[in-house]
Amino acid sequence: ARLGWIDFHTGLGPNGVGERIYAGRDEAAGVGRARAWWGGPDGQAITSIYDGSSTSAPLTGLMWNSAYQECPQAEVTGLALEYGTLPFGEVLQALRADQWAENHPEAPDELRAAIKRQIRDAFYTDTDAWKQQILAQGIEAVQQAVAGLAG
């Protein structure tokens, strides 16, 4: 059995650009399949949290782990698409503001609403151009996964 996994994220990188990050166990075979499915001609378009090439830091508790747990018989090939929104400093400031609001329930409603808008804007660019970029890149990744599963 084979399983293709695509995980969508926002908040890191240039606006509208989907960084293709390997999403799977730290094993050469999985990285190789991901590069064959989703990489360019040289397969290097795929970054990894394991070798430091990704914008994302190494993380734990990732959703793709469930694919291995629920389908232990499957050969899992995974990708995370990390779409950029705002410059990193602005995203970080929005996260800080959101945490501050969580710890200050007495804050005025007007301020809390502004912070909610700030956090939304940090992870979602409400323009047709951004939405079209996200959709086009997502469709391409899905088509590549189908081709990889068929191959």
N, C-alpha and C. Protein backbone atom coordinates (compact mmCIF):
# COMPACT_ATOMS: atom_id res chain seq x y z
N ALA A 1 0.84 -1.19 0.00
CA ALA A 1 0.00 0.00 0.00
C ALA A 1 0.88 1.24 0.00
N ARG A 2 0.40 2.26 -0.68
CA ARG A 2 1.13 3.54 -0.75
C ARG A 2 0.18 4.66 -0.35
N LEU A 3 0.73 5.66 0.31
CA LEU A 3 -0.07 6.78 0.78
C LEU A 3 0.67 8.08 0.48
N GLY A 4 -0.01 9.02 -0.17
CA GLY A 4 0.53 10.35 -0.40
C GLY A 4 -0.12 11.33 0.56
N TRP A 5 0.68 12.19 1.17
CA TRP A 5 0.20 13.11 2.20
C TRP A 5 0.61 14.52 1.83
N ILE A 6 -0.34 15.45 1.84
CA ILE A 6 -0.02 16.86 1.63
C ILE A 6 -0.63 17.65 2.79
N ASP A 7 0.21 18.41 3.46
CA ASP A 7 -0.18 19.21 4.61
C ASP A 7 -0.02 20.69 4.23
N PHE A 8 -1.04 21.49 4.43
CA PHE A 8 -1.01 22.90 4.04
C PHE A 8 -0.82 23.79 5.27
N HIS A 9 0.13 24.73 5.17
CA HIS A 9 0.43 25.66 6.26
C HIS A 9 0.62 27.06 5.70
N THR A 10 0.47 28.06 6.56
CA THR A 10 0.73 29.44 6.16
C THR A 10 1.52 30.14 7.25
N GLY A 11 2.19 31.22 6.84
CA GLY A 11 2.84 32.08 7.82
C GLY A 11 4.33 32.25 7.67
N LEU A 12 5.00 31.40 6.91
CA LEU A 12 6.45 31.53 6.73
C LEU A 12 6.79 31.69 5.26
N GLY A 13 7.70 32.59 4.99
CA GLY A 13 8.20 32.74 3.63
C GLY A 13 7.58 33.90 2.88
N PRO A 14 8.03 34.08 1.63
CA PRO A 14 7.52 35.18 0.80
C PRO A 14 6.02 35.01 0.50
N ASN A 15 5.33 36.12 0.43
CA ASN A 15 3.88 36.11 0.22
C ASN A 15 3.49 35.29 -1.00
N GLY A 16 2.63 34.29 -0.77
CA GLY A 16 2.07 33.49 -1.85
C GLY A 16 2.95 32.38 -2.37
N VAL A 17 4.16 32.28 -1.88
CA VAL A 17 5.07 31.24 -2.34
C VAL A 17 4.95 30.03 -1.42
N GLY A 18 4.74 28.87 -2.02
CA GLY A 18 4.62 27.64 -1.25
C GLY A 18 5.95 26.90 -1.19
N GLU A 19 6.61 26.97 -0.03
CA GLU A 19 7.83 26.17 0.15
C GLU A 19 7.42 24.71 0.28
N ARG A 20 8.08 23.86 -0.46
CA ARG A 20 7.79 22.43 -0.44
C ARG A 20 8.73 21.76 0.55
N ILE A 21 8.16 21.34 1.67
CA ILE A 21 8.94 20.77 2.77
C ILE A 21 8.61 19.28 2.89
N TYR A 22 9.63 18.45 2.92
CA TYR A 22 9.42 17.02 3.12
C TYR A 22 8.68 16.81 4.44
N ALA A 23 7.62 16.02 4.42
CA ALA A 23 6.82 15.74 5.61
C ALA A 23 6.78 14.24 5.83
N GLY A 24 7.72 13.75 6.58
CA GLY A 24 7.78 12.32 6.86
C GLY A 24 8.93 12.04 7.80
N ARG A 25 9.13 10.76 8.05
CA ARG A 25 10.22 10.34 8.92
C ARG A 25 11.57 10.70 8.30
N ASP A 26 12.55 10.82 9.16
CA ASP A 26 13.90 11.16 8.72
C ASP A 26 14.54 9.91 8.11
N GLU A 27 14.17 9.64 6.86
CA GLU A 27 14.70 8.46 6.16
C GLU A 27 14.93 8.81 4.70
N ALA A 28 16.04 8.33 4.18
CA ALA A 28 16.45 8.66 2.81
C ALA A 28 15.41 8.24 1.77
N ALA A 29 14.79 7.09 1.95
CA ALA A 29 13.82 6.60 0.96
C ALA A 29 12.63 7.55 0.84
N GLY A 30 12.10 8.01 1.97
CA GLY A 30 10.96 8.92 1.95
C GLY A 30 11.31 10.26 1.33
N VAL A 31 12.48 10.79 1.69
CA VAL A 31 12.94 12.05 1.11
C VAL A 31 13.12 11.88 -0.40
N GLY A 32 13.69 10.76 -0.80
CA GLY A 32 13.90 10.50 -2.23
C GLY A 32 12.60 10.45 -3.01
N ARG A 33 11.59 9.77 -2.45
CA ARG A 33 10.28 9.71 -3.12
C ARG A 33 9.67 11.10 -3.21
N ALA A 34 9.74 11.87 -2.12
CA ALA A 34 9.17 13.23 -2.13
C ALA A 34 9.86 14.08 -3.18
N ARG A 35 11.17 13.96 -3.28
CA ARG A 35 11.89 14.74 -4.29
C ARG A 35 11.53 14.28 -5.70
N ALA A 36 11.30 12.98 -5.87
CA ALA A 36 10.90 12.47 -7.19
C ALA A 36 9.50 12.95 -7.55
N TRP A 37 8.59 12.98 -6.59
CA TRP A 37 7.21 13.37 -6.86
C TRP A 37 7.07 14.88 -7.04
N TRP A 38 7.66 15.64 -6.11
CA TRP A 38 7.37 17.07 -6.03
C TRP A 38 8.56 17.97 -6.35
N GLY A 39 9.73 17.43 -6.49
CA GLY A 39 10.89 18.26 -6.77
C GLY A 39 10.98 18.59 -8.24
N GLY A 40 11.85 19.51 -8.56
CA GLY A 40 12.10 19.84 -9.96
C GLY A 40 12.96 18.77 -10.59
N PRO A 41 13.54 19.06 -11.74
CA PRO A 41 14.36 18.08 -12.44
C PRO A 41 15.51 17.53 -11.58
N ASP A 42 16.04 18.37 -10.67
CA ASP A 42 17.13 17.92 -9.82
C ASP A 42 16.65 17.42 -8.46
N GLY A 43 15.34 17.50 -8.21
CA GLY A 43 14.77 17.02 -6.96
C GLY A 43 15.13 17.86 -5.74
N GLN A 44 15.79 18.98 -5.95
CA GLN A 44 16.24 19.78 -4.82
C GLN A 44 15.25 20.85 -4.39
N ALA A 45 14.10 20.94 -5.05
CA ALA A 45 13.10 21.93 -4.66
C ALA A 45 12.43 21.56 -3.34
N ILE A 46 12.68 20.36 -2.85
CA ILE A 46 12.11 19.91 -1.59
C ILE A 46 13.09 20.23 -0.47
N THR A 47 12.62 20.98 0.54
CA THR A 47 13.46 21.27 1.69
C THR A 47 13.12 20.29 2.81
N SER A 48 13.88 20.35 3.90
CA SER A 48 13.67 19.40 4.99
C SER A 48 13.99 20.04 6.33
N ILE A 49 13.19 19.70 7.33
CA ILE A 49 13.49 20.15 8.69
C ILE A 49 14.69 19.39 9.25
N TYR A 50 15.01 18.26 8.66
CA TYR A 50 16.08 17.42 9.19
C TYR A 50 17.47 17.91 8.81
N ASP A 51 17.61 18.53 7.65
CA ASP A 51 18.94 18.98 7.22
C ASP A 51 19.11 20.49 7.31
N GLY A 52 18.09 21.18 7.85
CA GLY A 52 18.19 22.62 8.03
C GLY A 52 17.89 23.44 6.79
N SER A 53 17.46 22.81 5.71
CA SER A 53 17.20 23.55 4.48
C SER A 53 15.83 24.22 4.46
N SER A 54 14.96 23.87 5.39
CA SER A 54 13.61 24.41 5.42
C SER A 54 13.53 25.71 6.20
N THR A 55 12.58 26.56 5.83
CA THR A 55 12.29 27.77 6.60
C THR A 55 11.76 27.39 7.97
N SER A 56 11.08 26.26 8.05
CA SER A 56 10.50 25.79 9.31
C SER A 56 11.59 25.20 10.20
N ALA A 57 11.44 25.41 11.48
CA ALA A 57 12.32 24.78 12.46
C ALA A 57 11.90 23.33 12.65
N PRO A 58 12.78 22.49 13.18
CA PRO A 58 12.36 21.13 13.52
C PRO A 58 11.20 21.18 14.53
N LEU A 59 10.18 20.37 14.28
CA LEU A 59 8.97 20.38 15.10
C LEU A 59 8.65 18.97 15.58
N THR A 60 7.81 18.88 16.59
CA THR A 60 7.32 17.58 17.06
C THR A 60 5.80 17.61 17.04
N GLY A 61 5.18 16.42 17.15
CA GLY A 61 3.73 16.34 17.18
C GLY A 61 3.06 16.66 15.87
N LEU A 62 3.74 16.38 14.77
CA LEU A 62 3.21 16.73 13.45
C LEU A 62 2.12 15.77 13.00
N MET A 63 1.15 16.30 12.26
CA MET A 63 -0.01 15.51 11.82
C MET A 63 0.38 14.32 10.96
N TRP A 64 1.43 14.45 10.14
CA TRP A 64 1.78 13.35 9.26
C TRP A 64 2.16 12.09 10.02
N ASN A 65 2.50 12.22 11.30
CA ASN A 65 2.80 11.03 12.09
C ASN A 65 1.60 10.08 12.15
N SER A 66 0.40 10.64 12.06
CA SER A 66 -0.80 9.81 12.12
C SER A 66 -0.88 8.86 10.92
N ALA A 67 -0.32 9.25 9.78
CA ALA A 67 -0.33 8.37 8.61
C ALA A 67 0.44 7.09 8.91
N TYR A 68 1.57 7.21 9.57
CA TYR A 68 2.37 6.03 9.93
C TYR A 68 1.66 5.20 11.00
N GLN A 69 0.99 5.88 11.94
CA GLN A 69 0.31 5.18 13.02
C GLN A 69 -0.95 4.45 12.54
N GLU A 70 -1.73 5.11 11.70
CA GLU A 70 -3.00 4.53 11.25
C GLU A 70 -2.84 3.59 10.07
N CYS A 71 -1.78 3.74 9.31
CA CYS A 71 -1.54 2.90 8.12
C CYS A 71 -0.12 2.36 8.17
N PRO A 72 0.20 1.54 9.18
CA PRO A 72 1.59 1.08 9.34
C PRO A 72 2.09 0.25 8.16
N GLN A 73 1.18 -0.32 7.39
CA GLN A 73 1.57 -1.13 6.24
C GLN A 73 1.91 -0.28 5.02
N ALA A 74 1.61 1.02 5.07
CA ALA A 74 1.75 1.88 3.89
C ALA A 74 3.14 2.49 3.76
N GLU A 75 3.54 2.67 2.52
CA GLU A 75 4.73 3.45 2.19
C GLU A 75 4.25 4.90 2.09
N VAL A 76 4.63 5.72 3.06
CA VAL A 76 4.14 7.09 3.16
C VAL A 76 5.12 8.04 2.46
N THR A 77 4.56 8.90 1.62
CA THR A 77 5.33 9.96 0.96
C THR A 77 4.61 11.27 1.26
N GLY A 78 5.29 12.16 1.97
CA GLY A 78 4.60 13.35 2.43
C GLY A 78 5.26 14.66 2.08
N LEU A 79 4.42 15.68 2.00
CA LEU A 79 4.85 17.04 1.67
C LEU A 79 4.06 18.02 2.51
N ALA A 80 4.74 19.04 3.00
CA ALA A 80 4.07 20.18 3.62
C ALA A 80 4.29 21.37 2.70
N LEU A 81 3.22 22.07 2.38
CA LEU A 81 3.31 23.30 1.61
C LEU A 81 3.17 24.46 2.60
N GLU A 82 4.22 25.23 2.76
CA GLU A 82 4.23 26.36 3.69
C GLU A 82 4.16 27.65 2.87
N TYR A 83 2.98 28.28 2.89
CA TYR A 83 2.74 29.48 2.09
C TYR A 83 3.05 30.74 2.89
N GLY A 84 3.80 31.64 2.27
CA GLY A 84 4.13 32.89 2.92
C GLY A 84 2.96 33.86 2.94
N THR A 85 2.98 34.72 3.94
CA THR A 85 1.95 35.75 4.09
C THR A 85 2.62 37.10 4.29
N LEU A 86 3.04 37.38 5.51
CA LEU A 86 3.68 38.64 5.87
C LEU A 86 5.15 38.39 6.21
N PRO A 87 5.96 39.45 6.28
CA PRO A 87 7.34 39.27 6.74
C PRO A 87 7.35 38.62 8.13
N PHE A 88 8.39 37.83 8.39
CA PHE A 88 8.45 37.04 9.62
C PHE A 88 8.26 37.88 10.88
N GLY A 89 8.85 39.06 10.93
CA GLY A 89 8.71 39.91 12.11
C GLY A 89 7.26 40.29 12.39
N GLU A 90 6.48 40.50 11.35
CA GLU A 90 5.07 40.84 11.53
C GLU A 90 4.26 39.63 11.99
N VAL A 91 4.60 38.46 11.47
CA VAL A 91 3.93 37.24 11.92
C VAL A 91 4.24 37.00 13.40
N LEU A 92 5.50 37.15 13.76
CA LEU A 92 5.91 36.96 15.16
C LEU A 92 5.21 37.96 16.08
N GLN A 93 5.11 39.20 15.64
CA GLN A 93 4.44 40.22 16.45
C GLN A 93 2.96 39.88 16.62
N ALA A 94 2.32 39.37 15.58
CA ALA A 94 0.91 38.96 15.69
C ALA A 94 0.75 37.83 16.69
N LEU A 95 1.67 36.87 16.66
CA LEU A 95 1.62 35.76 17.62
C LEU A 95 1.81 36.27 19.05
N ARG A 96 2.71 37.20 19.22
CA ARG A 96 2.92 37.78 20.56
C ARG A 96 1.67 38.51 21.04
N ALA A 97 1.07 39.28 20.15
CA ALA A 97 -0.14 40.02 20.51
C ALA A 97 -1.27 39.07 20.88
N ASP A 98 -1.40 37.99 20.12
CA ASP A 98 -2.44 37.00 20.39
C ASP A 98 -2.23 36.36 21.76
N GLN A 99 -0.98 36.04 22.09
CA GLN A 99 -0.68 35.46 23.40
C GLN A 99 -0.96 36.48 24.51
N TRP A 100 -0.60 37.73 24.26
CA TRP A 100 -0.89 38.77 25.24
C TRP A 100 -2.39 38.86 25.49
N ALA A 101 -3.19 38.86 24.43
CA ALA A 101 -4.64 38.95 24.57
C ALA A 101 -5.19 37.75 25.35
N GLU A 102 -4.61 36.59 25.10
CA GLU A 102 -5.04 35.38 25.83
C GLU A 102 -4.80 35.54 27.34
N ASN A 103 -3.71 36.20 27.68
CA ASN A 103 -3.35 36.38 29.09
C ASN A 103 -3.95 37.63 29.73
N HIS A 104 -4.66 38.42 28.94
CA HIS A 104 -5.28 39.65 29.45
C HIS A 104 -6.75 39.72 29.03
N PRO A 105 -7.59 38.90 29.65
CA PRO A 105 -9.01 38.90 29.28
C PRO A 105 -9.71 40.23 29.57
N GLU A 106 -9.08 41.06 30.39
CA GLU A 106 -9.68 42.36 30.71
C GLU A 106 -9.43 43.41 29.63
N ALA A 107 -8.65 43.06 28.62
CA ALA A 107 -8.34 44.02 27.55
C ALA A 107 -9.62 44.48 26.86
N PRO A 108 -9.66 45.74 26.43
CA PRO A 108 -10.86 46.27 25.77
C PRO A 108 -11.22 45.46 24.51
N ASP A 109 -12.51 45.34 24.26
CA ASP A 109 -12.98 44.58 23.10
C ASP A 109 -12.40 45.10 21.79
N GLU A 110 -12.27 46.41 21.68
CA GLU A 110 -11.73 47.02 20.46
C GLU A 110 -10.28 46.54 20.21
N LEU A 111 -9.49 46.49 21.27
CA LEU A 111 -8.10 46.02 21.15
C LEU A 111 -8.07 44.53 20.81
N ARG A 112 -8.91 43.76 21.47
CA ARG A 112 -8.96 42.32 21.21
C ARG A 112 -9.35 42.05 19.75
N ALA A 113 -10.29 42.82 19.22
CA ALA A 113 -10.71 42.66 17.82
C ALA A 113 -9.56 43.00 16.87
N ALA A 114 -8.81 44.05 17.20
CA ALA A 114 -7.66 44.43 16.36
C ALA A 114 -6.60 43.33 16.37
N ILE A 115 -6.39 42.72 17.51
CA ILE A 115 -5.41 41.62 17.61
C ILE A 115 -5.90 40.41 16.83
N LYS A 116 -7.18 40.12 16.87
CA LYS A 116 -7.72 39.01 16.08
C LYS A 116 -7.52 39.26 14.58
N ARG A 117 -7.72 40.49 14.14
CA ARG A 117 -7.46 40.83 12.73
C ARG A 117 -5.98 40.68 12.40
N GLN A 118 -5.14 41.08 13.33
CA GLN A 118 -3.69 40.99 13.14
C GLN A 118 -3.25 39.53 12.99
N ILE A 119 -3.79 38.64 13.80
CA ILE A 119 -3.40 37.23 13.72
C ILE A 119 -3.95 36.61 12.43
N ARG A 120 -5.15 36.99 12.04
CA ARG A 120 -5.71 36.48 10.78
C ARG A 120 -4.85 36.91 9.61
N ASP A 121 -4.48 38.18 9.59
CA ASP A 121 -3.66 38.70 8.50
C ASP A 121 -2.28 38.05 8.46
N ALA A 122 -1.79 37.60 9.61
CA ALA A 122 -0.49 36.95 9.66
C ALA A 122 -0.50 35.59 8.97
N PHE A 123 -1.67 34.97 8.88
CA PHE A 123 -1.75 33.63 8.31
C PHE A 123 -2.65 33.52 7.08
N TYR A 124 -3.21 34.64 6.65
CA TYR A 124 -4.11 34.62 5.50
C TYR A 124 -4.07 35.97 4.82
N THR A 125 -3.69 35.98 3.55
CA THR A 125 -3.68 37.22 2.77
C THR A 125 -4.96 37.26 1.96
N ASP A 126 -5.82 38.21 2.28
CA ASP A 126 -7.15 38.27 1.67
C ASP A 126 -7.12 39.04 0.35
N THR A 127 -6.37 38.50 -0.62
CA THR A 127 -6.36 39.08 -1.96
C THR A 127 -6.60 37.96 -2.97
N ASP A 128 -7.19 38.32 -4.09
CA ASP A 128 -7.42 37.32 -5.14
C ASP A 128 -6.11 36.73 -5.64
N ALA A 129 -5.08 37.57 -5.76
CA ALA A 129 -3.79 37.09 -6.27
C ALA A 129 -3.21 36.01 -5.34
N TRP A 130 -3.24 36.24 -4.03
CA TRP A 130 -2.70 35.27 -3.07
C TRP A 130 -3.50 33.97 -3.14
N LYS A 131 -4.82 34.09 -3.14
CA LYS A 131 -5.68 32.90 -3.18
C LYS A 131 -5.43 32.10 -4.45
N GLN A 132 -5.27 32.78 -5.58
CA GLN A 132 -5.01 32.08 -6.84
C GLN A 132 -3.66 31.37 -6.81
N GLN A 133 -2.65 32.01 -6.23
CA GLN A 133 -1.34 31.37 -6.12
C GLN A 133 -1.42 30.11 -5.26
N ILE A 134 -2.11 30.21 -4.15
CA ILE A 134 -2.24 29.07 -3.24
C ILE A 134 -2.96 27.93 -3.94
N LEU A 135 -4.06 28.25 -4.59
CA LEU A 135 -4.85 27.24 -5.29
C LEU A 135 -4.04 26.57 -6.40
N ALA A 136 -3.37 27.36 -7.22
CA ALA A 136 -2.60 26.80 -8.34
C ALA A 136 -1.49 25.88 -7.85
N GLN A 137 -0.78 26.31 -6.82
CA GLN A 137 0.31 25.49 -6.29
C GLN A 137 -0.23 24.23 -5.62
N GLY A 138 -1.36 24.35 -4.95
CA GLY A 138 -1.97 23.18 -4.32
C GLY A 138 -2.45 22.17 -5.33
N ILE A 139 -3.09 22.64 -6.40
CA ILE A 139 -3.55 21.74 -7.46
C ILE A 139 -2.36 21.03 -8.10
N GLU A 140 -1.29 21.77 -8.36
CA GLU A 140 -0.10 21.16 -8.95
C GLU A 140 0.46 20.06 -8.04
N ALA A 141 0.54 20.33 -6.74
CA ALA A 141 1.06 19.34 -5.80
C ALA A 141 0.18 18.09 -5.75
N VAL A 142 -1.13 18.27 -5.79
CA VAL A 142 -2.05 17.13 -5.79
C VAL A 142 -1.88 16.31 -7.07
N GLN A 143 -1.78 16.98 -8.20
CA GLN A 143 -1.58 16.26 -9.47
C GLN A 143 -0.26 15.49 -9.45
N GLN A 144 0.78 16.09 -8.89
CA GLN A 144 2.07 15.40 -8.79
C GLN A 144 1.98 14.20 -7.86
N ALA A 145 1.21 14.32 -6.78
CA ALA A 145 1.04 13.19 -5.87
C ALA A 145 0.30 12.04 -6.55
N VAL A 146 -0.74 12.36 -7.30
CA VAL A 146 -1.48 11.32 -8.03
C VAL A 146 -0.55 10.62 -9.02
N ALA A 147 0.26 11.40 -9.73
CA ALA A 147 1.22 10.80 -10.67
C ALA A 147 2.23 9.92 -9.92
N GLY A 148 2.68 10.38 -8.77
CA GLY A 148 3.62 9.59 -7.97
C GLY A 148 3.01 8.29 -7.48
N LEU A 149 1.76 8.36 -7.04
CA LEU A 149 1.07 7.14 -6.59
C LEU A 149 0.83 6.18 -7.74
N ALA A 150 0.57 6.72 -8.92
CA ALA A 150 0.30 5.87 -10.10
C ALA A 150 1.57 5.25 -10.65
N GLY A 151 2.71 5.92 -10.41
CA GLY A 151 3.97 5.46 -10.99
C GLY A 151 4.57 4.37 -10.27
